Amino acid sequence: MQNLSYALIQLLHNFGAAGILGLAGFGLWSGRAPRSTRGLLGLWLLQGGSGAAFGLVTYHFEHALPDIHGVAVAALGLKVTCVLLGLTLALRPPSRGWLLWGGSGILGATALGAAAFLRWYS
């Protein structure tokens, strides 16, 4: 049951990351300022919530938080920072669309890159 929980969370987490990058890419490509950032906000909330769910599942089944150290802690910190900055961009979007989309794209790609280090160094 634990592995199934992880797999379902990973599915949501991956689609959330793909959504952020896709939305940011489309925004940059179209050159439009967003009418609303609710979709982007929802995707960043999905990233943060699904990321936290990994730790909660571990705590539920093993009665302890995941045992990570070194590079994995740095990667987790980077991912959390990306989510917080992404939420900030979505809640208080800059007046220029390219800054919102470019910033979200960079944060999304950084979080995705950090995920590889978190996965393999934990």
Protein backbone atom coordinates (compact mmCIF):
# COMPACT_ATOMS: atom_id res chain seq x y z
CA MET A 1 0.00 0.00 0.00
CA GLN A 2 2.91 2.33 0.72
CA ASN A 3 4.38 1.90 -2.76
CA LEU A 4 0.97 2.46 -4.36
CA SER A 5 0.61 5.68 -2.36
CA TYR A 6 4.04 6.85 -3.49
CA ALA A 7 3.26 6.00 -7.12
CA LEU A 8 -0.03 7.91 -7.11
CA ILE A 9 1.58 10.92 -5.46
CA GLN A 10 4.43 10.77 -7.98
CA LEU A 11 1.90 10.75 -10.80
CA LEU A 12 0.26 13.93 -9.50
CA HIS A 13 3.64 15.51 -8.81
CA ASN A 14 4.91 14.78 -12.33
CA PHE A 15 1.77 16.08 -14.05
CA GLY A 16 1.91 19.21 -11.89
CA ALA A 17 5.51 19.87 -12.93
CA ALA A 18 4.68 19.23 -16.58
CA GLY A 19 1.72 21.60 -16.28
CA ILE A 20 3.88 24.39 -14.87
CA LEU A 21 6.44 24.03 -17.64
CA GLY A 22 3.77 23.71 -20.32
CA LEU A 23 1.83 26.74 -19.11
CA ALA A 24 4.99 28.81 -18.79
CA GLY A 25 6.15 27.74 -22.25
CA PHE A 26 2.79 28.58 -23.79
CA GLY A 27 2.74 31.93 -22.01
CA LEU A 28 6.19 32.80 -23.33
CA TRP A 29 5.34 31.57 -26.82
CA SER A 30 2.07 33.50 -27.02
CA GLY A 31 3.53 36.65 -25.47
CA ARG A 32 0.30 37.32 -23.63
CA ALA A 33 -0.11 38.60 -20.13
CA PRO A 34 -2.39 36.26 -18.19
CA ARG A 35 -5.98 37.24 -17.49
CA SER A 36 -5.80 35.10 -14.38
CA THR A 37 -3.07 33.15 -12.65
CA ARG A 38 -5.44 30.68 -10.95
CA GLY A 39 -4.23 27.79 -13.11
CA LEU A 40 -0.61 28.53 -12.31
CA LEU A 41 -1.46 28.95 -8.64
CA GLY A 42 -3.25 25.59 -8.65
CA LEU A 43 -0.28 23.86 -10.25
CA TRP A 44 2.17 25.31 -7.71
CA LEU A 45 -0.17 24.26 -4.90
CA LEU A 46 -0.29 20.77 -6.41
CA GLN A 47 3.52 20.70 -6.44
CA GLY A 48 3.79 21.77 -2.82
CA GLY A 49 0.99 19.55 -1.61
CA SER A 50 2.13 16.44 -3.44
CA GLY A 51 5.70 17.05 -2.30
CA ALA A 52 4.58 17.24 1.31
CA ALA A 53 2.47 14.10 0.78
CA PHE A 54 5.64 12.07 0.17
CA GLY A 55 6.81 12.86 3.69
CA LEU A 56 3.36 12.27 5.17
CA VAL A 57 3.09 8.82 3.59
CA THR A 58 6.50 7.88 4.96
CA TYR A 59 5.50 9.16 8.39
CA HIS A 60 2.21 7.24 8.25
CA PHE A 61 3.77 3.92 7.34
CA GLU A 62 7.15 4.14 9.09
CA HIS A 63 6.32 6.50 11.98
CA ALA A 64 9.27 8.69 11.04
CA LEU A 65 10.03 11.33 8.44
CA PRO A 66 12.20 10.30 5.49
CA ASP A 67 15.87 9.95 6.44
CA ILE A 68 17.62 12.28 4.02
CA HIS A 69 20.96 14.03 4.33
CA GLY A 70 23.57 15.99 2.41
CA VAL A 71 22.74 16.58 -1.22
CA ALA A 72 19.16 15.39 -0.72
CA VAL A 73 18.51 18.02 1.96
CA ALA A 74 19.89 20.74 -0.32
CA ALA A 75 17.71 19.48 -3.20
CA LEU A 76 14.62 19.43 -0.99
CA GLY A 77 15.37 22.96 0.18
CA LEU A 78 15.72 24.09 -3.42
CA LYS A 79 12.41 22.45 -4.37
CA VAL A 80 10.60 24.09 -1.43
CA THR A 81 12.11 27.45 -2.37
CA CYS A 82 10.94 27.04 -5.96
CA VAL A 83 7.40 26.26 -4.79
CA LEU A 84 7.32 29.27 -2.47
CA LEU A 85 8.65 31.60 -5.17
CA GLY A 86 6.25 30.09 -7.72
CA LEU A 87 3.32 30.68 -5.37
CA THR A 88 4.51 34.25 -4.87
CA LEU A 89 4.61 34.81 -8.64
CA ALA A 90 1.12 33.34 -9.05
CA LEU A 91 -0.38 35.32 -6.15
CA ARG A 92 1.27 38.64 -7.02
CA PRO A 93 2.04 38.40 -10.74
CA PRO A 94 4.43 40.96 -12.18
CA SER A 95 3.00 43.44 -14.66
CA ARG A 96 4.97 41.90 -17.53
CA GLY A 97 3.80 38.49 -18.73
CA TRP A 98 7.26 37.40 -19.84
CA LEU A 99 8.54 37.83 -16.28
CA LEU A 100 5.72 35.69 -14.87
CA TRP A 101 6.09 32.98 -17.51
CA GLY A 102 9.88 33.05 -17.64
CA GLY A 103 10.16 33.02 -13.86
CA SER A 104 7.69 30.15 -13.56
CA GLY A 105 9.51 28.21 -16.27
CA ILE A 106 12.89 28.67 -14.61
CA LEU A 107 11.49 27.73 -11.19
CA GLY A 108 9.68 24.70 -12.63
CA ALA A 109 12.78 23.47 -14.45
CA THR A 110 14.94 24.04 -11.37
CA ALA A 111 12.52 22.07 -9.19
CA LEU A 112 12.47 19.25 -11.74
CA GLY A 113 16.25 19.15 -11.83
CA ALA A 114 16.46 19.13 -8.04
CA ALA A 115 14.03 16.21 -7.97
CA ALA A 116 16.60 13.95 -9.61
CA PHE A 117 19.15 14.73 -6.90
CA LEU A 118 16.57 14.32 -4.15
CA ARG A 119 15.55 10.94 -5.54
CA TRP A 120 19.02 9.49 -6.02
CA TYR A 121 20.84 11.02 -3.05
CA SER A 122 18.25 10.13 -0.41
